[in-house]
Amino acid sequence: MAASGAASGSGWLAGLSQDWSADPAAMPTARKYLIFGVMAFGQFMALFDIQIVSASLSDVQAGLAAGPDEVSWVQTAYLMAELVMIPLSAYLARAMSTRWLFMLSAGLFTASSLLCGLAWNMESMIAFRALQGFTGGAMVPLVFAVGFTLFTGKQRAMIPAILGTVAVIAPTLGPTVGGLITQAFDWRWLFFINIVPGIVVTALSALILRVDRAQPAMFARIDWSHFIAMAVFLGGLQFVLEEGPRNDWFGDPEIAIGAWLSFVAFLLFLERAFFSKNPIVTLKPFRRPIFVFACLFSLVIGFGMYASIYLIPVYLARVRGFDSLQIGTTVFVVGIAQIASTFIAASLSQRIDMRWMIAVGLTLFAWSLWLTSHMTSEWGFWELVFPQAVRGLALMLCIVPSVNMALSAFPPAELGAASGLFNLMRNLGGAVGIAMVNTWLQDDTRIAAARLGEALGHHATSASGQLQALAARLAATIPDPAEAQLTASAVFARIVGREALTLAFDDVFRLMAWMFLAALAIVPFCRPAPGATPPPADAGAH
């Protein structure tokens, strides 16, 4: 019995470790799902950790005795490093194989999570967060490439739906779960929770992820100037977008220098991409017009998705005064709606033209933003349920066809590069979106406050009467009339500021709605090239 059990166990392990790199599409379906599940969970970890610290930055700041300007780099460092790794992952996957790259990515992500939890000052935290973002960034595009390599037909239709759900739910859950962990334990556990699942993902990746073969000779031909240009370009761009809204954009010398360096590095990056014999990032996928349009859609979707995920919690915290649990409960409606629509979107992708599907998705997304642009300072969970549910449905109708447009026609050898560029565009859209809506929010709040002040000036008698009535009510608890008057004035000013901020949120959502409607103009041009069909099931063998 024992011998039989041992033999059975060794046979099971041997089956898991069998090498299918010569023909990954021919591997058993159960193994395909296991590989995809492990990689999708790794992607979830990498995206989840982008926002997990956002609700706990004040605790991190206090724990590391840092200043308010320094603590923002806990997120910025992660995003900058992740942005560099995403397009680099395709080259590294070819050089060292998907198996070893994903395993190292998961392992180093886990180790850097431990180091983040053990950080002793802000400098060490920023360094470890950059390492965490850089190593975790490889897991995001690899799962798209492997999913489209392994699956065909109806099974493939579920890939963009599942990964799109992960891409939205992970950053949406991050602030809520992070806030709960900080309240229940300590901010260091924001990073320690990655250790056990990270070890499991690393071990399973080493054991089962055999879908291609390494080409180690590529390491000897790395174009380092191309790599440095890409790192400076993307890192500098992220820095400018993160710091610009807080520091008067190009009025700040550091931001101006960062923008100039990023622009010069971008020109060098393009020169190397076109003329290098072995470019780090190939731009060949852009030779397909439909891929270009899919990337434009990814940019717009990333803008709307990350900006809306950012704006609603800010509104709930600053206008309504919600705590992290209330905010998380409110915004999670998007995730629930998206999960519910995952199978609908996957099924429709097999039945209707992708252009019709993304047109409906963009229209619904614009409608959800337009509904949200009518917020008042009293809106809460129930008022936001329907607009957010529409947005969750719209996200899947946008993401699924855009992923299919971008990746379905590429052979396995080119999927890595295409996936890296496509995911890069979504993240760039998110970075640009958050920076732009922050700027719009600040500018529109000032404009709305000025208009409210002007309106109150035109109706001074009414405003004065309301102020006196408020002071009279406060007099019941504040005996000193002068103090009651000052308190009433402060409360009145806060009310005006709250209303001005609410009007600014409405203006920002309205602008975003028009942007999504404008994106409809390119839908008719998204026709697949003649003969551009998905690669056959046995394409991985070539």
Protein backbone atom coordinates (compact mmCIF):
# COMPACT_ATOMS: atom_id res chain seq x y z
CA MET A 1 0.00 0.00 0.00
CA ALA A 2 2.73 2.44 1.03
CA ALA A 3 4.84 1.53 -1.99
CA SER A 4 1.83 1.93 -4.24
CA GLY A 5 1.03 5.33 -2.74
CA ALA A 6 4.63 6.45 -3.18
CA ALA A 7 4.63 5.34 -6.78
CA SER A 8 1.36 7.12 -7.38
CA GLY A 9 2.70 10.31 -5.77
CA SER A 10 5.90 10.20 -7.82
CA GLY A 11 3.85 9.64 -10.99
CA TRP A 12 1.69 12.65 -10.18
CA LEU A 13 4.77 14.82 -9.64
CA ALA A 14 6.32 13.49 -12.84
CA GLY A 15 3.15 14.39 -14.71
CA LEU A 16 3.24 17.92 -13.36
CA SER A 17 6.89 18.40 -14.24
CA GLN A 18 6.53 16.99 -17.79
CA ASP A 19 7.99 19.35 -20.39
CA TRP A 20 5.40 20.56 -22.92
CA SER A 21 7.48 23.39 -24.31
CA ALA A 22 7.65 21.78 -27.76
CA ASP A 23 3.84 21.83 -28.10
CA PRO A 24 2.14 23.70 -25.24
CA ALA A 25 -1.28 23.68 -26.93
CA ALA A 26 -1.29 19.86 -26.79
CA MET A 27 -0.98 19.59 -22.99
CA PRO A 28 -3.95 18.24 -20.99
CA THR A 29 -6.73 20.77 -20.38
CA ALA A 30 -6.55 20.37 -16.58
CA ARG A 31 -2.87 21.30 -16.63
CA LYS A 32 -3.61 24.33 -18.82
CA TYR A 33 -6.13 25.57 -16.26
CA LEU A 34 -3.69 24.98 -13.40
CA ILE A 35 -0.95 26.95 -15.17
CA PHE A 36 -3.33 29.75 -16.04
CA GLY A 37 -4.74 29.85 -12.50
CA VAL A 38 -1.29 30.09 -10.92
CA MET A 39 -0.21 32.85 -13.30
CA ALA A 40 -3.49 34.78 -12.92
CA PHE A 41 -3.04 34.71 -9.14
CA GLY A 42 0.49 36.06 -9.58
CA GLN A 43 -0.93 38.87 -11.72
CA PHE A 44 -3.51 39.56 -9.01
CA MET A 45 -0.75 39.89 -6.39
CA ALA A 46 1.23 42.35 -8.53
CA LEU A 47 -1.80 44.55 -9.29
CA PHE A 48 -3.22 44.27 -5.76
CA ASP A 49 -0.02 45.65 -4.25
CA ILE A 50 -0.19 48.83 -6.33
CA GLN A 51 -3.01 50.20 -4.16
CA ILE A 52 -2.72 48.17 -0.94
CA VAL A 53 -0.79 50.97 0.80
CA SER A 54 -2.98 53.86 -0.42
CA ALA A 55 -5.34 53.79 2.59
CA SER A 56 -2.46 53.34 5.06
CA LEU A 57 0.12 55.90 3.88
CA SER A 58 -0.28 57.94 7.06
CA ASP A 59 0.53 54.86 9.16
CA VAL A 60 3.59 54.08 7.02
CA GLN A 61 4.66 57.71 7.32
CA ALA A 62 4.37 57.64 11.11
CA GLY A 63 6.06 54.26 11.40
CA LEU A 64 9.08 55.35 9.37
CA ALA A 65 9.20 58.96 10.67
CA ALA A 66 8.89 60.32 7.14
CA GLY A 67 7.58 63.59 5.76
CA PRO A 68 4.34 63.89 3.76
CA ASP A 69 6.27 64.53 0.52
CA GLU A 70 8.38 61.41 1.00
CA VAL A 71 5.59 58.94 1.73
CA SER A 72 3.97 59.39 -1.70
CA TRP A 73 7.04 57.69 -3.16
CA VAL A 74 5.94 54.42 -1.57
CA GLN A 75 3.47 54.17 -4.46
CA THR A 76 5.39 56.15 -7.07
CA ALA A 77 8.50 53.94 -6.81
CA TYR A 78 6.41 50.81 -7.33
CA LEU A 79 4.60 52.21 -10.37
CA MET A 80 7.77 53.55 -12.01
CA ALA A 81 9.57 50.22 -11.68
CA GLU A 82 6.56 48.17 -12.81
CA LEU A 83 6.14 50.36 -15.88
CA VAL A 84 9.75 49.59 -16.92
CA MET A 85 9.41 45.82 -16.46
CA ILE A 86 6.14 45.32 -18.36
CA PRO A 87 7.56 45.90 -21.88
CA LEU A 88 10.91 44.30 -20.91
CA SER A 89 9.26 41.02 -19.91
CA ALA A 90 8.87 39.77 -23.50
CA TYR A 91 12.63 39.91 -24.13
CA LEU A 92 13.45 38.27 -20.81
CA ALA A 93 10.87 35.52 -21.38
CA ARG A 94 12.53 34.61 -24.67
CA ALA A 95 16.00 34.70 -23.15
CA MET A 96 15.33 32.69 -19.98
CA SER A 97 11.94 31.06 -20.78
CA THR A 98 8.55 31.97 -19.34
CA ARG A 99 8.96 29.37 -16.60
CA TRP A 100 12.13 30.80 -15.10
CA LEU A 101 11.14 34.43 -15.57
CA PHE A 102 7.77 33.95 -13.88
CA MET A 103 9.32 31.89 -11.10
CA LEU A 104 12.03 34.51 -10.46
CA SER A 105 9.48 37.28 -10.69
CA ALA A 106 7.21 35.64 -8.11
CA GLY A 107 10.15 34.68 -5.87
CA LEU A 108 11.79 38.12 -5.90
CA PHE A 109 8.40 39.79 -5.49
CA THR A 110 7.89 37.70 -2.35
CA ALA A 111 11.39 38.47 -1.04
CA SER A 112 10.99 42.19 -1.69
CA SER A 113 7.59 42.10 0.07
CA LEU A 114 9.38 40.72 3.13
CA LEU A 115 12.01 43.45 2.87
CA CYS A 116 9.28 46.13 2.59
CA GLY A 117 7.75 44.83 5.81
CA LEU A 118 11.16 45.00 7.50
CA ALA A 119 12.05 48.48 6.15
CA TRP A 120 13.79 50.65 8.76
CA ASN A 121 13.47 54.09 7.13
CA MET A 122 11.83 55.74 4.15
CA GLU A 123 14.87 55.35 1.91
CA SER A 124 14.92 51.57 2.41
CA MET A 125 11.15 51.36 1.90
CA ILE A 126 11.34 53.24 -1.41
CA ALA A 127 14.19 51.00 -2.63
CA PHE A 128 12.34 47.80 -1.68
CA ARG A 129 9.07 49.02 -3.18
CA ALA A 130 10.88 49.75 -6.46
CA LEU A 131 12.30 46.20 -6.39
CA GLN A 132 8.82 44.85 -5.64
CA GLY A 133 7.28 46.72 -8.56
CA PHE A 134 10.08 45.79 -10.97
CA THR A 135 9.96 42.08 -10.18
CA GLY A 136 6.18 41.88 -9.95
CA GLY A 137 5.70 43.73 -13.23
CA ALA A 138 6.77 40.71 -15.29
CA MET A 139 3.82 38.66 -14.03
CA VAL A 140 1.25 41.02 -15.58
CA PRO A 141 1.87 40.61 -19.35
CA LEU A 142 3.17 37.02 -19.20
CA VAL A 143 -0.20 35.60 -18.19
CA PHE A 144 -1.87 37.21 -21.24
CA ALA A 145 0.73 35.74 -23.60
CA VAL A 146 0.57 32.25 -22.05
CA GLY A 147 -3.23 32.27 -21.95
CA PHE A 148 -3.46 33.03 -25.68
CA THR A 149 -0.80 30.41 -26.41
CA LEU A 150 -2.46 27.58 -24.47
CA PHE A 151 -6.14 28.08 -25.27
CA THR A 152 -8.19 28.26 -28.44
CA GLY A 153 -11.85 28.77 -29.36
CA LYS A 154 -14.35 29.21 -26.54
CA GLN A 155 -11.70 28.59 -23.90
CA ARG A 156 -9.62 31.45 -25.28
CA ALA A 157 -12.65 33.75 -25.16
CA MET A 158 -12.60 33.50 -21.35
CA ILE A 159 -8.97 34.68 -21.07
CA PRO A 160 -9.53 38.44 -21.55
CA ALA A 161 -12.70 38.27 -19.45
CA ILE A 162 -10.97 36.62 -16.49
CA LEU A 163 -7.82 38.73 -16.69
CA GLY A 164 -9.89 41.89 -17.16
CA THR A 165 -11.77 41.05 -13.98
CA VAL A 166 -8.49 40.55 -12.14
CA ALA A 167 -7.14 43.84 -13.50
CA VAL A 168 -10.07 45.79 -12.02
CA ILE A 169 -10.81 43.91 -8.81
CA ALA A 170 -7.19 43.78 -7.63
CA PRO A 171 -6.60 47.57 -7.44
CA THR A 172 -10.20 48.11 -6.25
CA LEU A 173 -9.74 45.71 -3.32
CA GLY A 174 -6.30 47.06 -2.45
CA PRO A 175 -7.22 50.15 -0.38
CA THR A 176 -10.03 48.40 1.51
CA VAL A 177 -8.08 45.29 2.43
CA GLY A 178 -5.02 47.39 3.22
CA GLY A 179 -7.01 49.58 5.59
CA LEU A 180 -8.50 46.56 7.37
CA ILE A 181 -5.10 44.90 7.75
CA THR A 182 -3.59 48.08 9.18
CA GLN A 183 -6.46 48.47 11.66
CA ALA A 184 -6.37 44.82 12.75
CA PHE A 185 -2.60 44.25 12.87
CA ASP A 186 0.05 46.72 11.71
CA TRP A 187 1.02 48.42 8.43
CA ARG A 188 3.97 46.02 8.03
CA TRP A 189 1.48 43.19 7.47
CA LEU A 190 0.46 44.89 4.23
CA PHE A 191 3.63 43.28 2.86
CA PHE A 192 3.95 40.18 5.03
CA ILE A 193 0.64 38.80 3.68
CA ASN A 194 2.36 38.23 0.32
CA ILE A 195 4.90 35.78 1.70
CA VAL A 196 2.91 32.52 1.91
CA PRO A 197 0.97 32.90 -1.37
CA GLY A 198 4.15 34.16 -3.05
CA ILE A 199 6.05 31.03 -2.01
CA VAL A 200 3.22 28.82 -3.32
CA VAL A 201 3.12 30.63 -6.69
CA THR A 202 6.92 30.44 -6.97
CA ALA A 203 7.02 26.71 -6.23
CA LEU A 204 4.16 25.84 -8.60
CA SER A 205 5.69 27.97 -11.36
CA ALA A 206 8.96 26.06 -11.11
CA LEU A 207 7.10 22.76 -11.16
CA ILE A 208 4.50 23.13 -13.90
CA LEU A 209 5.21 26.18 -16.07
CA ARG A 210 6.98 24.57 -19.04
CA VAL A 211 5.52 26.24 -22.12
CA ASP A 212 8.60 27.42 -24.03
CA ARG A 213 12.40 27.07 -24.12
CA ALA A 214 15.10 29.51 -23.14
CA GLN A 215 17.44 31.23 -25.60
CA PRO A 216 20.29 32.22 -23.23
CA ALA A 217 22.41 33.55 -26.10
CA MET A 218 20.12 36.59 -26.12
CA PHE A 219 21.70 37.78 -22.85
CA ALA A 220 25.01 38.32 -24.64
CA ARG A 221 23.35 40.57 -27.23
CA ILE A 222 21.42 42.92 -24.92
CA ASP A 223 21.31 46.49 -26.23
CA TRP A 224 22.01 48.28 -22.95
CA SER A 225 21.52 51.74 -24.44
CA HIS A 226 18.00 50.70 -25.46
CA PHE A 227 17.27 49.38 -21.99
CA ILE A 228 18.56 52.54 -20.28
CA ALA A 229 16.62 54.77 -22.69
CA MET A 230 13.42 52.82 -21.99
CA ALA A 231 13.94 52.96 -18.21
CA VAL A 232 14.62 56.72 -18.21
CA PHE A 233 11.72 57.41 -20.58
CA LEU A 234 9.09 55.41 -18.69
CA GLY A 235 10.43 56.17 -15.21
CA GLY A 236 10.70 59.88 -15.98
CA LEU A 237 7.22 59.96 -17.48
CA GLN A 238 5.73 58.27 -14.41
CA PHE A 239 7.59 60.71 -12.14
CA VAL A 240 6.23 63.73 -14.05
CA LEU A 241 2.68 62.37 -14.02
CA GLU A 242 2.79 61.51 -10.30
CA GLU A 243 4.44 64.69 -9.04
CA GLY A 244 3.01 67.21 -11.56
CA PRO A 245 -0.45 67.70 -9.99
CA ARG A 246 1.10 68.27 -6.56
CA ASN A 247 3.93 70.61 -7.62
CA ASP A 248 2.68 73.01 -10.30
CA TRP A 249 3.82 70.82 -13.19
CA PHE A 250 6.61 72.46 -15.21
CA GLY A 251 6.81 75.36 -12.79
CA ASP A 252 8.80 73.01 -10.58
CA PRO A 253 12.47 72.64 -11.75
CA GLU A 254 12.67 68.94 -10.85
CA ILE A 255 9.57 68.11 -12.88
CA ALA A 256 10.81 70.17 -15.83
CA ILE A 257 14.17 68.33 -15.78
CA GLY A 258 12.40 64.98 -15.47
CA ALA A 259 10.17 65.79 -18.44
CA TRP A 260 13.14 66.85 -20.58
CA LEU A 261 15.13 63.70 -19.72
CA SER A 262 12.09 61.54 -20.44
CA PHE A 263 11.57 63.19 -23.84
CA VAL A 264 15.25 62.77 -24.88
CA ALA A 265 15.21 59.16 -23.66
CA PHE A 266 12.02 58.55 -25.67
CA LEU A 267 13.74 59.71 -28.88
CA LEU A 268 16.72 57.43 -28.17
CA PHE A 269 14.31 54.59 -27.34
CA LEU A 270 12.63 54.96 -30.74
CA GLU A 271 15.97 55.16 -32.56
CA ARG A 272 17.17 51.94 -30.91
CA ALA A 273 13.82 50.20 -31.46
CA PHE A 274 14.04 50.84 -35.21
CA PHE A 275 17.79 50.46 -35.84
CA SER A 276 19.18 48.15 -33.14
CA LYS A 277 20.03 44.61 -34.28
CA ASN A 278 18.63 43.21 -31.02
CA PRO A 279 16.18 45.71 -29.49
CA ILE A 280 15.00 45.19 -25.92
CA VAL A 281 11.46 46.12 -26.96
CA THR A 282 10.31 45.44 -30.48
CA LEU A 283 7.68 47.72 -31.99
CA LYS A 284 6.79 45.25 -34.74
CA PRO A 285 3.30 44.56 -33.34
CA PHE A 286 2.39 48.13 -34.31
CA ARG A 287 2.66 47.15 -37.97
CA ARG A 288 -0.86 45.73 -37.58
CA PRO A 289 -3.39 48.60 -37.69
CA ILE A 290 -5.88 46.73 -35.53
CA PHE A 291 -3.22 46.37 -32.81
CA VAL A 292 -2.65 50.14 -32.92
CA PHE A 293 -6.38 50.75 -32.45
CA ALA A 294 -6.54 48.16 -29.65
CA CYS A 295 -3.71 49.97 -27.86
CA LEU A 296 -5.56 53.28 -28.23
CA PHE A 297 -8.61 51.64 -26.69
CA SER A 298 -6.39 50.23 -23.92
CA LEU A 299 -5.06 53.74 -23.24
CA VAL A 300 -8.60 55.16 -22.99
CA ILE A 301 -9.89 52.23 -20.92
CA GLY A 302 -6.90 52.50 -18.56
CA PHE A 303 -7.58 56.23 -18.21
CA GLY A 304 -11.23 55.70 -17.32
CA MET A 305 -10.77 52.59 -15.21
CA TYR A 306 -7.95 53.84 -12.96
CA ALA A 307 -9.26 57.41 -12.79
CA SER A 308 -12.73 56.29 -11.71
CA ILE A 309 -11.26 53.83 -9.19
CA TYR A 310 -9.26 56.77 -7.84
CA LEU A 311 -11.99 59.45 -7.89
CA ILE A 312 -14.87 57.67 -6.15
CA PRO A 313 -12.90 56.86 -2.95
CA VAL A 314 -11.54 60.44 -2.89
CA TYR A 315 -15.10 61.81 -3.15
CA LEU A 316 -16.37 59.47 -0.43
CA ALA A 317 -13.50 60.36 1.91
CA ARG A 318 -13.32 64.12 1.34
CA VAL A 319 -16.99 64.96 0.78
CA ARG A 320 -18.85 62.27 2.73
CA GLY A 321 -16.19 61.47 5.36
CA PHE A 322 -16.46 57.69 4.84
CA ASP A 323 -13.94 55.37 6.49
CA SER A 324 -11.97 52.71 4.58
CA LEU A 325 -14.56 49.97 5.18
CA GLN A 326 -17.45 52.13 3.96
CA ILE A 327 -15.44 53.20 0.90
CA GLY A 328 -14.48 49.63 0.10
CA THR A 329 -18.08 48.44 0.42
CA THR A 330 -19.27 51.20 -1.91
CA VAL A 331 -16.68 50.82 -4.68
CA PHE A 332 -16.77 47.02 -4.65
CA VAL A 333 -20.07 47.23 -6.54
CA VAL A 334 -17.97 47.71 -9.70
CA GLY A 335 -16.18 44.42 -9.05
CA ILE A 336 -19.41 42.51 -8.40
CA ALA A 337 -20.99 43.84 -11.59
CA GLN A 338 -17.86 42.98 -13.53
CA ILE A 339 -17.78 39.40 -12.25
CA ALA A 340 -21.44 39.03 -13.19
CA SER A 341 -20.75 40.29 -16.72
CA THR A 342 -17.58 38.24 -17.30
CA PHE A 343 -19.36 35.26 -18.85
CA ILE A 344 -21.71 37.51 -20.81
CA ALA A 345 -18.79 39.35 -22.37
CA ALA A 346 -16.91 36.11 -23.11
CA SER A 347 -19.98 34.59 -24.76
CA LEU A 348 -20.70 37.70 -26.86
CA SER A 349 -17.10 37.77 -28.08
CA GLN A 350 -17.76 34.48 -29.88
CA ARG A 351 -21.03 35.63 -31.43
CA ILE A 352 -20.82 39.26 -32.55
CA ASP A 353 -18.41 41.61 -34.28
CA MET A 354 -15.85 43.01 -31.82
CA ARG A 355 -16.57 46.52 -33.09
CA TRP A 356 -20.21 46.34 -32.01
CA MET A 357 -19.20 45.01 -28.63
CA ILE A 358 -16.63 47.69 -27.85
CA ALA A 359 -18.95 50.41 -29.21
CA VAL A 360 -21.61 49.32 -26.71
CA GLY A 361 -18.98 49.10 -23.97
CA LEU A 362 -17.65 52.61 -24.60
CA THR A 363 -21.19 54.01 -24.76
CA LEU A 364 -22.17 52.36 -21.49
CA PHE A 365 -18.96 53.54 -19.83
CA ALA A 366 -19.66 57.10 -20.99
CA TRP A 367 -23.24 56.80 -19.69
CA SER A 368 -22.02 55.60 -16.29
CA LEU A 369 -19.65 58.55 -16.07
CA TRP A 370 -22.43 60.93 -17.14
CA LEU A 371 -24.71 59.51 -14.41
CA THR A 372 -21.94 60.04 -11.86
CA SER A 373 -21.49 63.63 -13.03
CA HIS A 374 -24.79 64.49 -11.33
CA MET A 375 -23.52 63.75 -7.82
CA THR A 376 -24.51 65.92 -4.89
CA SER A 377 -22.73 66.18 -1.55
CA GLU A 378 -25.29 63.71 -0.15
CA TRP A 379 -24.57 60.80 -2.49
CA GLY A 380 -23.52 57.57 -0.82
CA PHE A 381 -23.74 53.81 -1.37
CA TRP A 382 -27.26 53.60 -2.79
CA GLU A 383 -26.95 56.59 -5.09
CA LEU A 384 -23.71 55.19 -6.56
CA VAL A 385 -24.92 51.59 -6.96
CA PHE A 386 -26.45 51.95 -10.43
CA PRO A 387 -23.73 54.12 -12.07
CA GLN A 388 -21.05 51.78 -10.74
CA ALA A 389 -22.93 48.66 -11.81
CA VAL A 390 -23.20 50.08 -15.33
CA ARG A 391 -19.49 50.87 -15.26
CA GLY A 392 -18.64 47.30 -14.16
CA LEU A 393 -20.67 45.88 -17.06
CA ALA A 394 -19.14 48.39 -19.49
CA LEU A 395 -15.59 47.55 -18.42
CA MET A 396 -15.93 43.93 -19.51
CA LEU A 397 -17.54 44.93 -22.82
CA CYS A 398 -14.53 47.21 -23.42
CA ILE A 399 -11.72 44.99 -22.11
CA VAL A 400 -12.68 41.67 -23.73
CA PRO A 401 -12.86 42.94 -27.36
CA SER A 402 -9.80 45.17 -26.97
CA VAL A 403 -7.69 42.24 -25.72
CA ASN A 404 -8.99 40.03 -28.54
CA MET A 405 -8.24 42.73 -31.11
CA ALA A 406 -4.74 43.15 -29.73
CA LEU A 407 -3.61 39.55 -29.28
CA SER A 408 -5.78 37.02 -31.11
CA ALA A 409 -4.04 37.26 -34.49
CA PHE A 410 -0.43 37.00 -33.27
CA PRO A 411 1.54 33.75 -33.41
CA PRO A 412 2.98 32.54 -30.06
CA ALA A 413 6.45 33.88 -30.89
CA GLU A 414 5.11 37.45 -31.00
CA LEU A 415 2.53 37.26 -28.21
CA GLY A 416 5.00 38.30 -25.50
CA ALA A 417 5.97 41.55 -27.21
CA ALA A 418 2.37 42.36 -28.13
CA SER A 419 1.13 41.63 -24.61
CA GLY A 420 3.83 43.79 -23.05
CA LEU A 421 3.03 46.79 -25.26
CA PHE A 422 -0.72 46.37 -24.82
CA ASN A 423 -0.49 46.20 -21.02
CA LEU A 424 1.95 49.10 -21.01
CA MET A 425 -0.64 51.26 -22.79
CA ARG A 426 -3.27 50.43 -20.17
CA ASN A 427 -0.92 51.35 -17.32
CA LEU A 428 0.16 54.53 -19.12
CA GLY A 429 -3.51 55.42 -19.55
CA GLY A 430 -4.01 54.94 -15.83
CA ALA A 431 -0.98 57.09 -14.96
CA VAL A 432 -2.05 59.85 -17.33
CA GLY A 433 -5.65 59.57 -16.13
CA ILE A 434 -4.88 59.96 -12.43
CA ALA A 435 -2.56 62.89 -13.12
CA MET A 436 -5.10 64.64 -15.36
CA VAL A 437 -8.11 64.17 -13.08
CA ASN A 438 -6.08 65.45 -10.13
CA THR A 439 -5.23 68.59 -12.09
CA TRP A 440 -8.81 69.02 -13.30
CA LEU A 441 -10.12 68.51 -9.78
CA GLN A 442 -7.85 71.18 -8.32
CA ASP A 443 -8.59 73.70 -11.08
CA ASP A 444 -12.33 73.06 -11.14
CA THR A 445 -12.58 73.28 -7.34
CA ARG A 446 -11.01 76.75 -7.43
CA ILE A 447 -13.35 77.83 -10.24
CA ALA A 448 -16.44 76.42 -8.48
CA ALA A 449 -15.44 78.06 -5.18
CA ALA A 450 -15.02 81.42 -6.94
CA ARG A 451 -18.42 81.08 -8.62
CA LEU A 452 -20.12 80.13 -5.35
CA GLY A 453 -18.44 83.09 -3.64
CA GLU A 454 -19.65 85.37 -6.42
CA ALA A 455 -23.19 83.97 -6.13
CA LEU A 456 -23.19 84.48 -2.38
CA GLY A 457 -22.00 88.05 -2.94
CA HIS A 458 -25.00 88.70 -5.22
CA HIS A 459 -27.32 87.31 -2.54
CA ALA A 460 -25.54 88.70 0.49
CA THR A 461 -28.72 89.22 2.49
CA SER A 462 -29.79 85.58 2.15
CA ALA A 463 -26.28 84.30 2.90
CA SER A 464 -25.99 86.58 5.93
CA GLY A 465 -29.35 85.38 7.19
CA GLN A 466 -28.31 81.74 6.95
CA LEU A 467 -25.04 82.50 8.72
CA GLN A 468 -26.88 84.27 11.55
CA ALA A 469 -29.34 81.39 11.85
CA LEU A 470 -26.45 78.95 12.12
CA ALA A 471 -24.76 81.11 14.77
CA ALA A 472 -28.02 81.23 16.73
CA ARG A 473 -28.23 77.42 16.74
CA LEU A 474 -24.62 77.15 17.87
CA ALA A 475 -25.22 79.65 20.67
CA ALA A 476 -27.09 76.91 22.55
CA THR A 477 -23.78 75.08 23.06
CA ILE A 478 -21.29 78.00 22.75
CA PRO A 479 -22.05 80.72 25.34
CA ASP A 480 -19.66 83.32 23.89
CA PRO A 481 -21.47 85.09 20.97
CA ALA A 482 -18.18 86.01 19.26
CA GLU A 483 -16.94 82.43 19.38
CA ALA A 484 -20.31 81.16 18.13
CA GLN A 485 -20.10 83.59 15.21
CA LEU A 486 -16.55 82.46 14.34
CA THR A 487 -17.56 78.81 14.53
CA ALA A 488 -20.60 79.46 12.34
CA SER A 489 -18.38 81.21 9.77
CA ALA A 490 -15.96 78.25 9.76
CA VAL A 491 -18.81 75.75 9.33
CA PHE A 492 -20.32 77.87 6.54
CA ALA A 493 -16.94 78.02 4.77
CA ARG A 494 -16.58 74.23 5.02
CA ILE A 495 -20.04 73.79 3.50
CA VAL A 496 -19.15 76.09 0.60
CA GLY A 497 -15.84 74.23 0.11
CA ARG A 498 -17.62 70.87 0.15
CA GLU A 499 -20.13 72.01 -2.46
CA ALA A 500 -17.38 73.47 -4.63
CA LEU A 501 -15.47 70.17 -4.47
CA THR A 502 -18.61 68.22 -5.36
CA LEU A 503 -19.20 70.43 -8.40
CA ALA A 504 -15.58 69.86 -9.42
CA PHE A 505 -16.07 66.07 -9.23
CA ASP A 506 -19.12 66.42 -11.47
CA ASP A 507 -17.13 68.44 -14.03
CA VAL A 508 -14.34 65.84 -14.08
CA PHE A 509 -16.72 62.92 -14.62
CA ARG A 510 -18.44 64.89 -17.39
CA LEU A 511 -15.13 65.46 -19.17
CA MET A 512 -14.29 61.77 -18.93
CA ALA A 513 -17.70 60.88 -20.38
CA TRP A 514 -17.02 63.06 -23.44
CA MET A 515 -13.61 61.40 -23.84
CA PHE A 516 -15.20 57.94 -24.04
CA LEU A 517 -17.77 59.16 -26.54
CA ALA A 518 -14.93 60.62 -28.64
CA ALA A 519 -13.21 57.20 -28.64
CA LEU A 520 -16.21 55.82 -30.56
CA ALA A 521 -14.89 57.65 -33.63
CA ILE A 522 -12.15 55.05 -34.18
CA VAL A 523 -14.39 51.97 -33.79
CA PRO A 524 -15.35 51.75 -37.51
CA PHE A 525 -11.65 51.55 -38.48
CA CYS A 526 -11.00 48.42 -36.36
CA ARG A 527 -11.30 45.94 -39.16
CA PRO A 528 -9.01 42.91 -38.99
CA ALA A 529 -6.61 42.62 -41.88
CA PRO A 530 -7.60 40.11 -44.59
CA GLY A 531 -6.49 36.66 -43.52
CA ALA A 532 -5.72 37.78 -39.96
CA THR A 533 -7.09 34.82 -38.08
CA PRO A 534 -6.15 33.45 -34.68
CA PRO A 535 -3.18 31.09 -34.69
CA PRO A 536 -4.08 27.44 -34.96
CA ALA A 537 -4.10 25.18 -31.94
CA ASP A 538 -0.77 23.63 -32.84
CA ALA A 539 0.97 26.93 -33.49
CA GLY A 540 3.00 26.55 -30.35
CA ALA A 541 4.93 23.72 -31.94
CA HIS A 542 6.57 26.00 -34.47
